[in-house]
Amino acid sequence: MLLAGLRAPQRQVTLWASNLPAWTLWTRVQSQWRRAGEAGVITGLDYTAVARVADVLGTPLTPDLLDDIAACEAVALDIARRRREEEARRG
């Protein structure tokens, strides 16, 4: 999982009911990244797979849900970019 090594402070988090469909779908599509180059740099989610997973879950892929998944994707891509930059600095 892309975020597996991320260390966060231990604290209780409340998930609002309105965010449950996005969180459920997000957690199920973590293996659906498109990659590029020899290094396998992630470039974004495979949205064909995202739509298929949503269908299997019985979750309508609405424009709002798609926006929520894209927001999660943007954060994950930023984390991955920062990790690559840090690794490059360390050599």
PDB file of N, CA and C in Angstrom:
ATOM      1  N   MET A   1       0.854  -1.170   0.000  1.00  0.00           N
ATOM      2  CA  MET A   1       0.000   0.000   0.000  1.00  0.00           C
ATOM      3  C   MET A   1       0.896   1.228   0.000  1.00  0.00           C
ATOM      4  N   LEU A   2       0.549   2.213  -0.750  1.00  0.00           N
ATOM      5  CA  LEU A   2       1.348   3.422  -0.900  1.00  0.00           C
ATOM      6  C   LEU A   2       1.585   4.120   0.428  1.00  0.00           C
ATOM      7  N   LEU A   3       0.610   4.177   1.271  1.00  0.00           N
ATOM      8  CA  LEU A   3       0.716   4.931   2.513  1.00  0.00           C
ATOM      9  C   LEU A   3       1.151   4.061   3.687  1.00  0.00           C
ATOM     10  N   ALA A   4       1.566   2.833   3.419  1.00  0.00           N
ATOM     11  CA  ALA A   4       1.852   1.883   4.493  1.00  0.00           C
ATOM     12  C   ALA A   4       2.944   2.366   5.439  1.00  0.00           C
ATOM     13  N   GLY A   5       3.964   3.031   4.932  1.00  0.00           N
ATOM     14  CA  GLY A   5       5.068   3.459   5.785  1.00  0.00           C
ATOM     15  C   GLY A   5       4.855   4.796   6.452  1.00  0.00           C
ATOM     16  N   LEU A   6       3.751   5.426   6.199  1.00  0.00           N
ATOM     17  CA  LEU A   6       3.472   6.742   6.759  1.00  0.00           C
ATOM     18  C   LEU A   6       3.193   6.627   8.246  1.00  0.00           C
ATOM     19  N   ARG A   7       3.917   7.395   9.038  1.00  0.00           N
ATOM     20  CA  ARG A   7       3.713   7.385  10.486  1.00  0.00           C
ATOM     21  C   ARG A   7       2.914   8.621  10.870  1.00  0.00           C
ATOM     22  N   ALA A   8       1.822   8.405  11.553  1.00  0.00           N
ATOM     23  CA  ALA A   8       0.964   9.508  11.986  1.00  0.00           C
ATOM     24  C   ALA A   8       0.849   9.465  13.503  1.00  0.00           C
ATOM     25  N   PRO A   9       0.651  10.611  14.110  1.00  0.00           N
ATOM     26  CA  PRO A   9       0.440  10.601  15.564  1.00  0.00           C
ATOM     27  C   PRO A   9      -0.780   9.756  15.909  1.00  0.00           C
ATOM     28  N   GLN A  10      -0.717   9.065  17.024  1.00  0.00           N
ATOM     29  CA  GLN A  10      -1.851   8.269  17.472  1.00  0.00           C
ATOM     30  C   GLN A  10      -2.929   9.205  18.001  1.00  0.00           C
ATOM     31  N   ARG A  11      -4.061   9.182  17.377  1.00  0.00           N
ATOM     32  CA  ARG A  11      -5.189   9.974  17.840  1.00  0.00           C
ATOM     33  C   ARG A  11      -6.458   9.376  17.259  1.00  0.00           C
ATOM     34  N   GLN A  12      -7.540   9.661  17.925  1.00  0.00           N
ATOM     35  CA  GLN A  12      -8.829   9.169  17.458  1.00  0.00           C
ATOM     36  C   GLN A  12      -9.314  10.053  16.324  1.00  0.00           C
ATOM     37  N   VAL A  13      -9.798   9.421  15.286  1.00  0.00           N
ATOM     38  CA  VAL A  13     -10.307  10.136  14.122  1.00  0.00           C
ATOM     39  C   VAL A  13     -11.773   9.774  13.950  1.00  0.00           C
ATOM     40  N   THR A  14     -12.591  10.765  13.702  1.00  0.00           N
ATOM     41  CA  THR A  14     -14.005  10.535  13.459  1.00  0.00           C
ATOM     42  C   THR A  14     -14.265  10.629  11.960  1.00  0.00           C
ATOM     43  N   LEU A  15     -14.862   9.613  11.406  1.00  0.00           N
ATOM     44  CA  LEU A  15     -15.217   9.601   9.998  1.00  0.00           C
ATOM     45  C   LEU A  15     -16.692   9.967   9.879  1.00  0.00           C
ATOM     46  N   TRP A  16     -16.963  11.083   9.249  1.00  0.00           N
ATOM     47  CA  TRP A  16     -18.351  11.488   9.062  1.00  0.00           C
ATOM     48  C   TRP A  16     -19.050  10.502   8.132  1.00  0.00           C
ATOM     49  N   ALA A  17     -20.305  10.242   8.402  1.00  0.00           N
ATOM     50  CA  ALA A  17     -21.080   9.286   7.609  1.00  0.00           C
ATOM     51  C   ALA A  17     -21.080   9.660   6.124  1.00  0.00           C
ATOM     52  N   SER A  18     -21.074  10.937   5.825  1.00  0.00           N
ATOM     53  CA  SER A  18     -21.091  11.372   4.423  1.00  0.00           C
ATOM     54  C   SER A  18     -19.801  11.005   3.689  1.00  0.00           C
ATOM     55  N   ASN A  19     -18.732  10.717   4.443  1.00  0.00           N
ATOM     56  CA  ASN A  19     -17.448  10.357   3.828  1.00  0.00           C
ATOM     57  C   ASN A  19     -17.222   8.849   3.757  1.00  0.00           C
ATOM     58  N   LEU A  20     -18.128   8.075   4.314  1.00  0.00           N
ATOM     59  CA  LEU A  20     -17.948   6.628   4.340  1.00  0.00           C
ATOM     60  C   LEU A  20     -17.832   6.005   2.945  1.00  0.00           C
ATOM     61  N   PRO A  21     -18.675   6.376   1.971  1.00  0.00           N
ATOM     62  CA  PRO A  21     -18.512   5.775   0.635  1.00  0.00           C
ATOM     63  C   PRO A  21     -17.133   6.057   0.037  1.00  0.00           C
ATOM     64  N   ALA A  22     -16.636   7.277   0.184  1.00  0.00           N
ATOM     65  CA  ALA A  22     -15.312   7.612  -0.364  1.00  0.00           C
ATOM     66  C   ALA A  22     -14.223   6.839   0.360  1.00  0.00           C
ATOM     67  N   TRP A  23     -14.293   6.769   1.687  1.00  0.00           N
ATOM     68  CA  TRP A  23     -13.273   6.058   2.449  1.00  0.00           C
ATOM     69  C   TRP A  23     -13.279   4.562   2.114  1.00  0.00           C
ATOM     70  N   THR A  24     -14.469   3.985   2.009  1.00  0.00           N
ATOM     71  CA  THR A  24     -14.575   2.566   1.684  1.00  0.00           C
ATOM     72  C   THR A  24     -13.966   2.286   0.313  1.00  0.00           C
ATOM     73  N   LEU A  25     -14.321   3.091  -0.672  1.00  0.00           N
ATOM     74  CA  LEU A  25     -13.776   2.898  -2.015  1.00  0.00           C
ATOM     75  C   LEU A  25     -12.275   3.152  -2.023  1.00  0.00           C
ATOM     76  N   TRP A  26     -11.827   4.213  -1.375  1.00  0.00           N
ATOM     77  CA  TRP A  26     -10.397   4.549  -1.327  1.00  0.00           C
ATOM     78  C   TRP A  26      -9.580   3.396  -0.751  1.00  0.00           C
ATOM     79  N   THR A  27     -10.052   2.807   0.325  1.00  0.00           N
ATOM     80  CA  THR A  27      -9.285   1.722   0.937  1.00  0.00           C
ATOM     81  C   THR A  27      -9.259   0.475   0.064  1.00  0.00           C
ATOM     82  N   ARG A  28     -10.225   0.329  -0.813  1.00  0.00           N
ATOM     83  CA  ARG A  28     -10.287  -0.849  -1.683  1.00  0.00           C
ATOM     84  C   ARG A  28      -9.488  -0.690  -2.978  1.00  0.00           C
ATOM     85  N   VAL A  29      -9.112   0.525  -3.346  1.00  0.00           N
ATOM     86  CA  VAL A  29      -8.411   0.722  -4.622  1.00  0.00           C
ATOM     87  C   VAL A  29      -6.920   1.035  -4.445  1.00  0.00           C
ATOM     88  N   GLN A  30      -6.396   0.788  -3.259  1.00  0.00           N
ATOM     89  CA  GLN A  30      -4.994   1.113  -3.000  1.00  0.00           C
ATOM     90  C   GLN A  30      -3.994   0.322  -3.832  1.00  0.00           C
ATOM     91  N   SER A  31      -4.406  -0.745  -4.447  1.00  0.00           N
ATOM     92  CA  SER A  31      -3.494  -1.514  -5.301  1.00  0.00           C
ATOM     93  C   SER A  31      -3.665  -1.167  -6.777  1.00  0.00           C
ATOM     94  N   GLN A  32      -4.461  -0.164  -7.070  1.00  0.00           N
ATOM     95  CA  GLN A  32      -4.813   0.148  -8.462  1.00  0.00           C
ATOM     96  C   GLN A  32      -4.089   1.380  -9.010  1.00  0.00           C
ATOM     97  N   TRP A  33      -2.785   1.458  -8.755  1.00  0.00           N
ATOM     98  CA  TRP A  33      -2.000   2.600  -9.221  1.00  0.00           C
ATOM     99  C   TRP A  33      -1.412   2.323 -10.588  1.00  0.00           C
ATOM    100  N   ARG A  34      -1.409   3.344 -11.428  1.00  0.00           N
ATOM    101  CA  ARG A  34      -0.682   3.272 -12.705  1.00  0.00           C
ATOM    102  C   ARG A  34       0.742   3.723 -12.422  1.00  0.00           C
ATOM    103  N   ARG A  35       1.690   3.060 -13.064  1.00  0.00           N
ATOM    104  CA  ARG A  35       3.105   3.352 -12.841  1.00  0.00           C
ATOM    105  C   ARG A  35       3.793   3.607 -14.168  1.00  0.00           C
ATOM    106  N   ALA A  36       4.904   4.332 -14.109  1.00  0.00           N
ATOM    107  CA  ALA A  36       5.628   4.670 -15.335  1.00  0.00           C
ATOM    108  C   ALA A  36       7.132   4.520 -15.104  1.00  0.00           C
ATOM    109  N   GLY A  37       7.824   4.235 -16.192  1.00  0.00           N
ATOM    110  CA  GLY A  37       9.279   4.193 -16.157  1.00  0.00           C
ATOM    111  C   GLY A  37       9.831   2.967 -15.466  1.00  0.00           C
ATOM    112  N   GLU A  38      11.149   2.840 -15.556  1.00  0.00           N
ATOM    113  CA  GLU A  38      11.831   1.705 -14.948  1.00  0.00           C
ATOM    114  C   GLU A  38      11.700   1.702 -13.436  1.00  0.00           C
ATOM    115  N   ALA A  39      11.593   2.888 -12.843  1.00  0.00           N
ATOM    116  CA  ALA A  39      11.483   2.995 -11.392  1.00  0.00           C
ATOM    117  C   ALA A  39      10.070   2.704 -10.902  1.00  0.00           C
ATOM    118  N   GLY A  40       9.119   2.631 -11.816  1.00  0.00           N
ATOM    119  CA  GLY A  40       7.741   2.353 -11.417  1.00  0.00           C
ATOM    120  C   GLY A  40       7.095   3.473 -10.639  1.00  0.00           C
ATOM    121  N   VAL A  41       7.411   4.701 -11.022  1.00  0.00           N
ATOM    122  CA  VAL A  41       6.860   5.877 -10.344  1.00  0.00           C
ATOM    123  C   VAL A  41       5.352   5.913 -10.551  1.00  0.00           C
ATOM    124  N   ILE A  42       4.611   6.087  -9.457  1.00  0.00           N
ATOM    125  CA  ILE A  42       3.161   6.140  -9.617  1.00  0.00           C
ATOM    126  C   ILE A  42       2.765   7.442 -10.308  1.00  0.00           C
ATOM    127  N   THR A  43       1.810   7.325 -11.204  1.00  0.00           N
ATOM    128  CA  THR A  43       1.349   8.492 -11.957  1.00  0.00           C
ATOM    129  C   THR A  43      -0.104   8.837 -11.654  1.00  0.00           C
ATOM    130  N   GLY A  44      -0.807   7.929 -11.018  1.00  0.00           N
ATOM    131  CA  GLY A  44      -2.205   8.172 -10.684  1.00  0.00           C
ATOM    132  C   GLY A  44      -2.953   6.863 -10.591  1.00  0.00           C
ATOM    133  N   LEU A  45      -4.188   6.966 -10.169  1.00  0.00           N
ATOM    134  CA  LEU A  45      -5.034   5.775 -10.062  1.00  0.00           C
ATOM    135  C   LEU A  45      -5.509   5.312 -11.431  1.00  0.00           C
ATOM    136  N   ASP A  46      -5.743   4.032 -11.550  1.00  0.00           N
ATOM    137  CA  ASP A  46      -6.367   3.454 -12.728  1.00  0.00           C
ATOM    138  C   ASP A  46      -7.876   3.597 -12.524  1.00  0.00           C
ATOM    139  N   TYR A  47      -8.456   4.611 -13.132  1.00  0.00           N
ATOM    140  CA  TYR A  47      -9.865   4.909 -12.883  1.00  0.00           C
ATOM    141  C   TYR A  47     -10.815   3.878 -13.495  1.00  0.00           C
ATOM    142  N   THR A  48     -10.341   3.101 -14.453  1.00  0.00           N
ATOM    143  CA  THR A  48     -11.164   1.991 -14.942  1.00  0.00           C
ATOM    144  C   THR A  48     -11.348   0.977 -13.814  1.00  0.00           C
ATOM    145  N   ALA A  49     -10.262   0.698 -13.106  1.00  0.00           N
ATOM    146  CA  ALA A  49     -10.339  -0.225 -11.970  1.00  0.00           C
ATOM    147  C   ALA A  49     -11.155   0.381 -10.831  1.00  0.00           C
ATOM    148  N   VAL A  50     -11.010   1.676 -10.604  1.00  0.00           N
ATOM    149  CA  VAL A  50     -11.791   2.342  -9.551  1.00  0.00           C
ATOM    150  C   VAL A  50     -13.288   2.176  -9.833  1.00  0.00           C
ATOM    151  N   ALA A  51     -13.683   2.389 -11.086  1.00  0.00           N
ATOM    152  CA  ALA A  51     -15.094   2.245 -11.458  1.00  0.00           C
ATOM    153  C   ALA A  51     -15.564   0.803 -11.266  1.00  0.00           C
ATOM    154  N   ARG A  52     -14.704  -0.146 -11.593  1.00  0.00           N
ATOM    155  CA  ARG A  52     -15.072  -1.556 -11.438  1.00  0.00           C
ATOM    156  C   ARG A  52     -15.240  -1.925  -9.961  1.00  0.00           C
ATOM    157  N   VAL A  53     -14.316  -1.459  -9.121  1.00  0.00           N
ATOM    158  CA  VAL A  53     -14.412  -1.733  -7.690  1.00  0.00           C
ATOM    159  C   VAL A  53     -15.688  -1.104  -7.124  1.00  0.00           C
ATOM    160  N   ALA A  54     -15.980   0.136  -7.521  1.00  0.00           N
ATOM    161  CA  ALA A  54     -17.204   0.791  -7.060  1.00  0.00           C
ATOM    162  C   ALA A  54     -18.419  -0.035  -7.455  1.00  0.00           C
ATOM    163  N   ASP A  55     -18.404  -0.550  -8.680  1.00  0.00           N
ATOM    164  CA  ASP A  55     -19.517  -1.372  -9.158  1.00  0.00           C
ATOM    165  C   ASP A  55     -19.656  -2.642  -8.315  1.00  0.00           C
ATOM    166  N   VAL A  56     -18.555  -3.302  -8.030  1.00  0.00           N
ATOM    167  CA  VAL A  56     -18.582  -4.523  -7.219  1.00  0.00           C
ATOM    168  C   VAL A  56     -19.109  -4.227  -5.819  1.00  0.00           C
ATOM    169  N   LEU A  57     -18.729  -3.081  -5.272  1.00  0.00           N
ATOM    170  CA  LEU A  57     -19.199  -2.693  -3.941  1.00  0.00           C
ATOM    171  C   LEU A  57     -20.652  -2.225  -3.941  1.00  0.00           C
ATOM    172  N   GLY A  58     -21.209  -2.020  -5.139  1.00  0.00           N
ATOM    173  CA  GLY A  58     -22.579  -1.506  -5.224  1.00  0.00           C
ATOM    174  C   GLY A  58     -22.663  -0.030  -4.887  1.00  0.00           C
ATOM    175  N   THR A  59     -21.557   0.668  -5.096  1.00  0.00           N
ATOM    176  CA  THR A  59     -21.467   2.092  -4.787  1.00  0.00           C
ATOM    177  C   THR A  59     -21.528   2.902  -6.085  1.00  0.00           C
ATOM    178  N   PRO A  60     -22.561   3.713  -6.271  1.00  0.00           N
ATOM    179  CA  PRO A  60     -22.618   4.532  -7.484  1.00  0.00           C
ATOM    180  C   PRO A  60     -21.437   5.503  -7.527  1.00  0.00           C
ATOM    181  N   LEU A  61     -20.732   5.517  -8.647  1.00  0.00           N
ATOM    182  CA  LEU A  61     -19.585   6.420  -8.811  1.00  0.00           C
ATOM    183  C   LEU A  61     -20.096   7.773  -9.303  1.00  0.00           C
ATOM    184  N   THR A  62     -20.562   8.563  -8.365  1.00  0.00           N
ATOM    185  CA  THR A  62     -21.121   9.884  -8.661  1.00  0.00           C
ATOM    186  C   THR A  62     -19.994  10.895  -8.868  1.00  0.00           C
ATOM    187  N   PRO A  63     -20.300  12.043  -9.458  1.00  0.00           N
ATOM    188  CA  PRO A  63     -19.272  13.076  -9.594  1.00  0.00           C
ATOM    189  C   PRO A  63     -18.673  13.491  -8.241  1.00  0.00           C
ATOM    190  N   ASP A  64     -19.488  13.572  -7.205  1.00  0.00           N
ATOM    191  CA  ASP A  64     -18.965  13.934  -5.884  1.00  0.00           C
ATOM    192  C   ASP A  64     -18.014  12.867  -5.342  1.00  0.00           C
ATOM    193  N   LEU A  65     -18.370  11.603  -5.507  1.00  0.00           N
ATOM    194  CA  LEU A  65     -17.502  10.526  -5.043  1.00  0.00           C
ATOM    195  C   LEU A  65     -16.201  10.513  -5.841  1.00  0.00           C
ATOM    196  N   LEU A  66     -16.297  10.742  -7.124  1.00  0.00           N
ATOM    197  CA  LEU A  66     -15.102  10.817  -7.965  1.00  0.00           C
ATOM    198  C   LEU A  66     -14.197  11.965  -7.508  1.00  0.00           C
ATOM    199  N   ASP A  67     -14.784  13.100  -7.167  1.00  0.00           N
ATOM    200  CA  ASP A  67     -14.001  14.234  -6.641  1.00  0.00           C
ATOM    201  C   ASP A  67     -13.305  13.858  -5.338  1.00  0.00           C
ATOM    202  N   ASP A  68     -14.002  13.128  -4.471  1.00  0.00           N
ATOM    203  CA  ASP A  68     -13.406  12.705  -3.203  1.00  0.00           C
ATOM    204  C   ASP A  68     -12.226  11.769  -3.433  1.00  0.00           C
ATOM    205  N   ILE A  69     -12.379  10.826  -4.345  1.00  0.00           N
ATOM    206  CA  ILE A  69     -11.290   9.892  -4.656  1.00  0.00           C
ATOM    207  C   ILE A  69     -10.118  10.649  -5.282  1.00  0.00           C
ATOM    208  N   ALA A  70     -10.408  11.596  -6.154  1.00  0.00           N
ATOM    209  CA  ALA A  70      -9.340  12.395  -6.764  1.00  0.00           C
ATOM    210  C   ALA A  70      -8.588  13.218  -5.721  1.00  0.00           C
ATOM    211  N   ALA A  71      -9.287  13.696  -4.709  1.00  0.00           N
ATOM    212  CA  ALA A  71      -8.627  14.453  -3.633  1.00  0.00           C
ATOM    213  C   ALA A  71      -7.695  13.538  -2.843  1.00  0.00           C
ATOM    214  N   CYS A  72      -8.135  12.330  -2.540  1.00  0.00           N
ATOM    215  CA  CYS A  72      -7.279  11.358  -1.858  1.00  0.00           C
ATOM    216  C   CYS A  72      -6.066  11.018  -2.728  1.00  0.00           C
ATOM    217  N   GLU A  73      -6.308  10.840  -4.017  1.00  0.00           N
ATOM    218  CA  GLU A  73      -5.236  10.530  -4.960  1.00  0.00           C
ATOM    219  C   GLU A  73      -4.196  11.652  -4.977  1.00  0.00           C
ATOM    220  N   ALA A  74      -4.646  12.889  -4.976  1.00  0.00           N
ATOM    221  CA  ALA A  74      -3.726  14.025  -5.014  1.00  0.00           C
ATOM    222  C   ALA A  74      -2.819  14.046  -3.786  1.00  0.00           C
ATOM    223  N   VAL A  75      -3.382  13.758  -2.631  1.00  0.00           N
ATOM    224  CA  VAL A  75      -2.576  13.712  -1.405  1.00  0.00           C
ATOM    225  C   VAL A  75      -1.571  12.570  -1.486  1.00  0.00           C
ATOM    226  N   ALA A  76      -2.017  11.398  -1.927  1.00  0.00           N
ATOM    227  CA  ALA A  76      -1.120  10.246  -2.040  1.00  0.00           C
ATOM    228  C   ALA A  76       0.008  10.515  -3.034  1.00  0.00           C
ATOM    229  N   LEU A  77      -0.302  11.151  -4.150  1.00  0.00           N
ATOM    230  CA  LEU A  77       0.733  11.482  -5.135  1.00  0.00           C
ATOM    231  C   LEU A  77       1.733  12.475  -4.556  1.00  0.00           C
ATOM    232  N   ASP A  78       1.253  13.420  -3.764  1.00  0.00           N
ATOM    233  CA  ASP A  78       2.151  14.384  -3.126  1.00  0.00           C
ATOM    234  C   ASP A  78       3.070  13.686  -2.125  1.00  0.00           C
ATOM    235  N   ILE A  79       2.530  12.775  -1.344  1.00  0.00           N
ATOM    236  CA  ILE A  79       3.340  12.006  -0.395  1.00  0.00           C
ATOM    237  C   ILE A  79       4.402  11.208  -1.143  1.00  0.00           C
ATOM    238  N   ALA A  80       4.019  10.549  -2.223  1.00  0.00           N
ATOM    239  CA  ALA A  80       4.966   9.754  -3.006  1.00  0.00           C
ATOM    240  C   ALA A  80       6.060  10.643  -3.596  1.00  0.00           C
ATOM    241  N   ARG A  81       5.682  11.824  -4.081  1.00  0.00           N
ATOM    242  CA  ARG A  81       6.673  12.751  -4.643  1.00  0.00           C
ATOM    243  C   ARG A  81       7.672  13.189  -3.576  1.00  0.00           C
ATOM    244  N   ARG A  82       7.153  13.531  -2.393  1.00  0.00           N
ATOM    245  CA  ARG A  82       8.046  13.961  -1.309  1.00  0.00           C
ATOM    246  C   ARG A  82       8.983  12.838  -0.887  1.00  0.00           C
ATOM    247  N   ARG A  83       8.497  11.604  -0.882  1.00  0.00           N
ATOM    248  CA  ARG A  83       9.359  10.462  -0.540  1.00  0.00           C
ATOM    249  C   ARG A  83      10.465  10.288  -1.564  1.00  0.00           C
ATOM    250  N   ARG A  84      10.120  10.411  -2.858  1.00  0.00           N
ATOM    251  CA  ARG A  84      11.143  10.290  -3.905  1.00  0.00           C
ATOM    252  C   ARG A  84      12.201  11.374  -3.752  1.00  0.00           C
ATOM    253  N   GLU A  85      11.759  12.621  -3.471  1.00  0.00           N
ATOM    254  CA  GLU A  85      12.699  13.718  -3.298  1.00  0.00           C
ATOM    255  C   GLU A  85      13.612  13.485  -2.099  1.00  0.00           C
ATOM    256  N   GLU A  86      13.051  12.983  -1.014  1.00  0.00           N
ATOM    257  CA  GLU A  86      13.844  12.705   0.185  1.00  0.00           C
ATOM    258  C   GLU A  86      14.858  11.603  -0.086  1.00  0.00           C
ATOM    259  N   GLU A  87      14.440  10.563  -0.785  1.00  0.00           N
ATOM    260  CA  GLU A  87      15.356   9.466  -1.134  1.00  0.00           C
ATOM    261  C   GLU A  87      16.478   9.976  -2.038  1.00  0.00           C
ATOM    262  N   ALA A  88      16.142  10.858  -2.974  1.00  0.00           N
ATOM    263  CA  ALA A  88      17.152  11.421  -3.869  1.00  0.00           C
ATOM    264  C   ALA A  88      18.165  12.261  -3.097  1.00  0.00           C
ATOM    265  N   ARG A  89      17.688  13.006  -2.100  1.00  0.00           N
ATOM    266  CA  ARG A  89      18.601  13.820  -1.286  1.00  0.00           C
ATOM    267  C   ARG A  89      19.559  12.946  -0.480  1.00  0.00           C
ATOM    268  N   ARG A  90      19.049  11.816  -0.003  1.00  0.00           N
ATOM    269  CA  ARG A  90      19.875  10.911   0.798  1.00  0.00           C
ATOM    270  C   ARG A  90      20.863  10.127  -0.049  1.00  0.00           C
ATOM    271  N   GLY A  91      20.545  10.057  -1.359  1.00  0.00           N
ATOM    272  CA  GLY A  91      21.438   9.367  -2.267  1.00  0.00           C
ATOM    273  C   GLY A  91      21.228   7.934  -2.282  1.00  0.00           C
TER     274      GLY A  91
END
